[in-house]
Amino acid sequence: MAELIVSKSGTKKAVKGCNVSGDFYKALDKEVRDIINRAVSRAKSNGRKTVRPGDL
């Protein structure tokens, strides 16, 4: 498995009051990678090499 984009410790802090299952991190990582890939595609389709907040 590739390195996680979002840290486990940061995720645990954000969850507040709930436990985090081991497979949650992999699922979260996939979602974040999908969001990033869509943003990159949008930037490229607009002729840019810079990903901006509006690409999200």
PDB file of N, CA and C in Angstrom:
ATOM      1  N   MET A   1       0.840  -1.180   0.000  1.00  0.00           N
ATOM      2  CA  MET A   1       0.000   0.000   0.000  1.00  0.00           C
ATOM      3  C   MET A   1       0.885   1.244   0.000  1.00  0.00           C
ATOM      4  N   ALA A   2       0.482   2.229  -0.744  1.00  0.00           N
ATOM      5  CA  ALA A   2       1.205   3.493  -0.793  1.00  0.00           C
ATOM      6  C   ALA A   2       1.058   4.231   0.534  1.00  0.00           C
ATOM      7  N   GLU A   3       1.906   5.202   0.731  1.00  0.00           N
ATOM      8  CA  GLU A   3       1.839   6.021   1.940  1.00  0.00           C
ATOM      9  C   GLU A   3       0.501   6.757   1.992  1.00  0.00           C
ATOM     10  N   LEU A   4      -0.084   6.826   3.179  1.00  0.00           N
ATOM     11  CA  LEU A   4      -1.353   7.530   3.348  1.00  0.00           C
ATOM     12  C   LEU A   4      -1.159   9.030   3.168  1.00  0.00           C
ATOM     13  N   ILE A   5      -2.116   9.674   2.523  1.00  0.00           N
ATOM     14  CA  ILE A   5      -2.069  11.117   2.330  1.00  0.00           C
ATOM     15  C   ILE A   5      -2.439  11.832   3.629  1.00  0.00           C
ATOM     16  N   VAL A   6      -3.466  11.347   4.299  1.00  0.00           N
ATOM     17  CA  VAL A   6      -3.939  11.953   5.545  1.00  0.00           C
ATOM     18  C   VAL A   6      -3.352  11.155   6.710  1.00  0.00           C
ATOM     19  N   SER A   7      -2.830  11.847   7.709  1.00  0.00           N
ATOM     20  CA  SER A   7      -2.190  11.151   8.822  1.00  0.00           C
ATOM     21  C   SER A   7      -3.216  10.475   9.732  1.00  0.00           C
ATOM     22  N   LYS A   8      -2.806   9.370  10.304  1.00  0.00           N
ATOM     23  CA  LYS A   8      -3.675   8.662  11.245  1.00  0.00           C
ATOM     24  C   LYS A   8      -3.919   9.506  12.491  1.00  0.00           C
ATOM     25  N   SER A   9      -2.884  10.163  12.985  1.00  0.00           N
ATOM     26  CA  SER A   9      -3.055  10.964  14.204  1.00  0.00           C
ATOM     27  C   SER A   9      -3.989  12.141  13.958  1.00  0.00           C
ATOM     28  N   GLY A  10      -3.877  12.770  12.805  1.00  0.00           N
ATOM     29  CA  GLY A  10      -4.776  13.878  12.472  1.00  0.00           C
ATOM     30  C   GLY A  10      -6.209  13.410  12.328  1.00  0.00           C
ATOM     31  N   THR A  11      -6.382  12.221  11.758  1.00  0.00           N
ATOM     32  CA  THR A  11      -7.715  11.653  11.598  1.00  0.00           C
ATOM     33  C   THR A  11      -8.333  11.352  12.957  1.00  0.00           C
ATOM     34  N   LYS A  12      -7.558  10.753  13.848  1.00  0.00           N
ATOM     35  CA  LYS A  12      -8.058  10.441  15.192  1.00  0.00           C
ATOM     36  C   LYS A  12      -8.494  11.703  15.926  1.00  0.00           C
ATOM     37  N   LYS A  13      -7.718  12.777  15.782  1.00  0.00           N
ATOM     38  CA  LYS A  13      -8.080  14.044  16.426  1.00  0.00           C
ATOM     39  C   LYS A  13      -9.378  14.599  15.852  1.00  0.00           C
ATOM     40  N   ALA A  14      -9.567  14.462  14.550  1.00  0.00           N
ATOM     41  CA  ALA A  14     -10.759  15.002  13.889  1.00  0.00           C
ATOM     42  C   ALA A  14     -12.013  14.215  14.232  1.00  0.00           C
ATOM     43  N   VAL A  15     -11.863  12.927  14.517  1.00  0.00           N
ATOM     44  CA  VAL A  15     -13.019  12.066  14.784  1.00  0.00           C
ATOM     45  C   VAL A  15     -13.654  12.390  16.131  1.00  0.00           C
ATOM     46  N   LYS A  16     -12.889  12.752  17.127  1.00  0.00           N
ATOM     47  CA  LYS A  16     -13.369  13.183  18.445  1.00  0.00           C
ATOM     48  C   LYS A  16     -14.475  12.307  19.041  1.00  0.00           C
ATOM     49  N   GLY A  17     -14.126  11.486  19.961  1.00  0.00           N
ATOM     50  CA  GLY A  17     -15.123  10.729  20.703  1.00  0.00           C
ATOM     51  C   GLY A  17     -15.529   9.407  20.086  1.00  0.00           C
ATOM     52  N   CYS A  18     -14.947   9.055  18.953  1.00  0.00           N
ATOM     53  CA  CYS A  18     -15.244   7.767  18.316  1.00  0.00           C
ATOM     54  C   CYS A  18     -13.941   7.028  18.071  1.00  0.00           C
ATOM     55  N   ASN A  19     -14.044   5.729  18.003  1.00  0.00           N
ATOM     56  CA  ASN A  19     -12.901   4.913  17.618  1.00  0.00           C
ATOM     57  C   ASN A  19     -12.807   4.884  16.101  1.00  0.00           C
ATOM     58  N   VAL A  20     -11.618   4.600  15.602  1.00  0.00           N
ATOM     59  CA  VAL A  20     -11.393   4.537  14.159  1.00  0.00           C
ATOM     60  C   VAL A  20     -10.935   3.124  13.818  1.00  0.00           C
ATOM     61  N   SER A  21     -11.669   2.454  12.936  1.00  0.00           N
ATOM     62  CA  SER A  21     -11.282   1.101  12.541  1.00  0.00           C
ATOM     63  C   SER A  21     -10.072   1.168  11.613  1.00  0.00           C
ATOM     64  N   GLY A  22      -9.326   0.099  11.578  1.00  0.00           N
ATOM     65  CA  GLY A  22      -8.126   0.051  10.756  1.00  0.00           C
ATOM     66  C   GLY A  22      -8.383   0.260   9.279  1.00  0.00           C
ATOM     67  N   ASP A  23      -9.495  -0.269   8.777  1.00  0.00           N
ATOM     68  CA  ASP A  23      -9.779  -0.134   7.348  1.00  0.00           C
ATOM     69  C   ASP A  23     -10.345   1.236   6.980  1.00  0.00           C
ATOM     70  N   PHE A  24     -10.718   2.045   7.976  1.00  0.00           N
ATOM     71  CA  PHE A  24     -11.214   3.392   7.704  1.00  0.00           C
ATOM     72  C   PHE A  24     -10.140   4.240   7.025  1.00  0.00           C
ATOM     73  N   TYR A  25      -8.897   4.097   7.473  1.00  0.00           N
ATOM     74  CA  TYR A  25      -7.807   4.905   6.920  1.00  0.00           C
ATOM     75  C   TYR A  25      -7.621   4.649   5.428  1.00  0.00           C
ATOM     76  N   LYS A  26      -7.697   3.392   5.033  1.00  0.00           N
ATOM     77  CA  LYS A  26      -7.546   3.044   3.614  1.00  0.00           C
ATOM     78  C   LYS A  26      -8.703   3.632   2.799  1.00  0.00           C
ATOM     79  N   ALA A  27      -9.915   3.546   3.327  1.00  0.00           N
ATOM     80  CA  ALA A  27     -11.083   4.091   2.628  1.00  0.00           C
ATOM     81  C   ALA A  27     -10.998   5.614   2.538  1.00  0.00           C
ATOM     82  N   LEU A  28     -10.572   6.260   3.621  1.00  0.00           N
ATOM     83  CA  LEU A  28     -10.414   7.714   3.618  1.00  0.00           C
ATOM     84  C   LEU A  28      -9.346   8.129   2.616  1.00  0.00           C
ATOM     85  N   ASP A  29      -8.247   7.401   2.595  1.00  0.00           N
ATOM     86  CA  ASP A  29      -7.166   7.696   1.660  1.00  0.00           C
ATOM     87  C   ASP A  29      -7.655   7.605   0.213  1.00  0.00           C
ATOM     88  N   LYS A  30      -8.457   6.594  -0.080  1.00  0.00           N
ATOM     89  CA  LYS A  30      -8.997   6.443  -1.435  1.00  0.00           C
ATOM     90  C   LYS A  30      -9.873   7.638  -1.802  1.00  0.00           C
ATOM     91  N   GLU A  31     -10.723   8.068  -0.881  1.00  0.00           N
ATOM     92  CA  GLU A  31     -11.596   9.221  -1.140  1.00  0.00           C
ATOM     93  C   GLU A  31     -10.780  10.484  -1.407  1.00  0.00           C
ATOM     94  N   VAL A  32      -9.752  10.705  -0.591  1.00  0.00           N
ATOM     95  CA  VAL A  32      -8.913  11.894  -0.755  1.00  0.00           C
ATOM     96  C   VAL A  32      -8.183  11.843  -2.094  1.00  0.00           C
ATOM     97  N   ARG A  33      -7.650  10.681  -2.448  1.00  0.00           N
ATOM     98  CA  ARG A  33      -6.968  10.538  -3.743  1.00  0.00           C
ATOM     99  C   ARG A  33      -7.928  10.785  -4.903  1.00  0.00           C
ATOM    100  N   ASP A  34      -9.159  10.301  -4.794  1.00  0.00           N
ATOM    101  CA  ASP A  34     -10.160  10.538  -5.840  1.00  0.00           C
ATOM    102  C   ASP A  34     -10.455  12.029  -5.981  1.00  0.00           C
ATOM    103  N   ILE A  35     -10.606  12.720  -4.866  1.00  0.00           N
ATOM    104  CA  ILE A  35     -10.864  14.166  -4.887  1.00  0.00           C
ATOM    105  C   ILE A  35      -9.697  14.895  -5.554  1.00  0.00           C
ATOM    106  N   ILE A  36      -8.482  14.526  -5.186  1.00  0.00           N
ATOM    107  CA  ILE A  36      -7.301  15.163  -5.771  1.00  0.00           C
ATOM    108  C   ILE A  36      -7.233  14.896  -7.269  1.00  0.00           C
ATOM    109  N   ASN A  37      -7.482  13.657  -7.672  1.00  0.00           N
ATOM    110  CA  ASN A  37      -7.437  13.320  -9.100  1.00  0.00           C
ATOM    111  C   ASN A  37      -8.471  14.101  -9.898  1.00  0.00           C
ATOM    112  N   ARG A  38      -9.668  14.271  -9.345  1.00  0.00           N
ATOM    113  CA  ARG A  38     -10.691  15.069 -10.036  1.00  0.00           C
ATOM    114  C   ARG A  38     -10.254  16.526 -10.149  1.00  0.00           C
ATOM    115  N   ALA A  39      -9.653  17.057  -9.096  1.00  0.00           N
ATOM    116  CA  ALA A  39      -9.181  18.446  -9.115  1.00  0.00           C
ATOM    117  C   ALA A  39      -8.070  18.633 -10.148  1.00  0.00           C
ATOM    118  N   VAL A  40      -7.159  17.688 -10.230  1.00  0.00           N
ATOM    119  CA  VAL A  40      -6.078  17.755 -11.216  1.00  0.00           C
ATOM    120  C   VAL A  40      -6.651  17.697 -12.628  1.00  0.00           C
ATOM    121  N   SER A  41      -7.599  16.810 -12.847  1.00  0.00           N
ATOM    122  CA  SER A  41      -8.234  16.705 -14.168  1.00  0.00           C
ATOM    123  C   SER A  41      -8.915  18.007 -14.553  1.00  0.00           C
ATOM    124  N   ARG A  42      -9.591  18.628 -13.614  1.00  0.00           N
ATOM    125  CA  ARG A  42     -10.283  19.889 -13.887  1.00  0.00           C
ATOM    126  C   ARG A  42      -9.285  20.995 -14.217  1.00  0.00           C
ATOM    127  N   ALA A  43      -8.200  21.064 -13.463  1.00  0.00           N
ATOM    128  CA  ALA A  43      -7.177  22.081 -13.727  1.00  0.00           C
ATOM    129  C   ALA A  43      -6.586  21.885 -15.121  1.00  0.00           C
ATOM    130  N   LYS A  44      -6.254  20.644 -15.464  1.00  0.00           N
ATOM    131  CA  LYS A  44      -5.686  20.360 -16.786  1.00  0.00           C
ATOM    132  C   LYS A  44      -6.671  20.679 -17.899  1.00  0.00           C
ATOM    133  N   SER A  45      -7.944  20.364 -17.683  1.00  0.00           N
ATOM    134  CA  SER A  45      -8.945  20.638 -18.721  1.00  0.00           C
ATOM    135  C   SER A  45      -9.144  22.136 -18.925  1.00  0.00           C
ATOM    136  N   ASN A  46      -8.759  22.928 -17.921  1.00  0.00           N
ATOM    137  CA  ASN A  46      -8.811  24.385 -18.031  1.00  0.00           C
ATOM    138  C   ASN A  46      -7.469  24.969 -18.460  1.00  0.00           C
ATOM    139  N   GLY A  47      -6.548  24.109 -18.887  1.00  0.00           N
ATOM    140  CA  GLY A  47      -5.256  24.559 -19.386  1.00  0.00           C
ATOM    141  C   GLY A  47      -4.299  25.056 -18.320  1.00  0.00           C
ATOM    142  N   ARG A  48      -4.471  24.593 -17.093  1.00  0.00           N
ATOM    143  CA  ARG A  48      -3.611  25.022 -15.986  1.00  0.00           C
ATOM    144  C   ARG A  48      -2.806  23.859 -15.439  1.00  0.00           C
ATOM    145  N   LYS A  49      -1.652  24.186 -14.886  1.00  0.00           N
ATOM    146  CA  LYS A  49      -0.842  23.202 -14.172  1.00  0.00           C
ATOM    147  C   LYS A  49      -0.949  23.408 -12.665  1.00  0.00           C
ATOM    148  N   THR A  50      -1.679  24.432 -12.270  1.00  0.00           N
ATOM    149  CA  THR A  50      -1.863  24.743 -10.851  1.00  0.00           C
ATOM    150  C   THR A  50      -3.262  24.333 -10.418  1.00  0.00           C
ATOM    151  N   VAL A  51      -3.332  23.517  -9.376  1.00  0.00           N
ATOM    152  CA  VAL A  51      -4.616  23.105  -8.816  1.00  0.00           C
ATOM    153  C   VAL A  51      -5.044  24.170  -7.811  1.00  0.00           C
ATOM    154  N   ARG A  52      -6.264  24.635  -7.947  1.00  0.00           N
ATOM    155  CA  ARG A  52      -6.799  25.710  -7.103  1.00  0.00           C
ATOM    156  C   ARG A  52      -7.994  25.199  -6.296  1.00  0.00           C
ATOM    157  N   PRO A  53      -8.375  25.924  -5.249  1.00  0.00           N
ATOM    158  CA  PRO A  53      -9.531  25.501  -4.447  1.00  0.00           C
ATOM    159  C   PRO A  53     -10.795  25.311  -5.285  1.00  0.00           C
ATOM    160  N   GLY A  54     -10.975  26.122  -6.303  1.00  0.00           N
ATOM    161  CA  GLY A  54     -12.153  26.000  -7.154  1.00  0.00           C
ATOM    162  C   GLY A  54     -12.211  24.695  -7.928  1.00  0.00           C
ATOM    163  N   ASP A  55     -11.082  24.003  -8.030  1.00  0.00           N
ATOM    164  CA  ASP A  55     -11.043  22.716  -8.729  1.00  0.00           C
ATOM    165  C   ASP A  55     -11.642  21.597  -7.886  1.00  0.00           C
ATOM    166  N   LEU A  56     -11.821  21.869  -6.612  1.00  0.00           N
ATOM    167  CA  LEU A  56     -12.435  20.874  -5.739  1.00  0.00           C
ATOM    168  C   LEU A  56     -13.924  20.842  -5.983  1.00  0.00           C
TER     169      LEU A  56
END
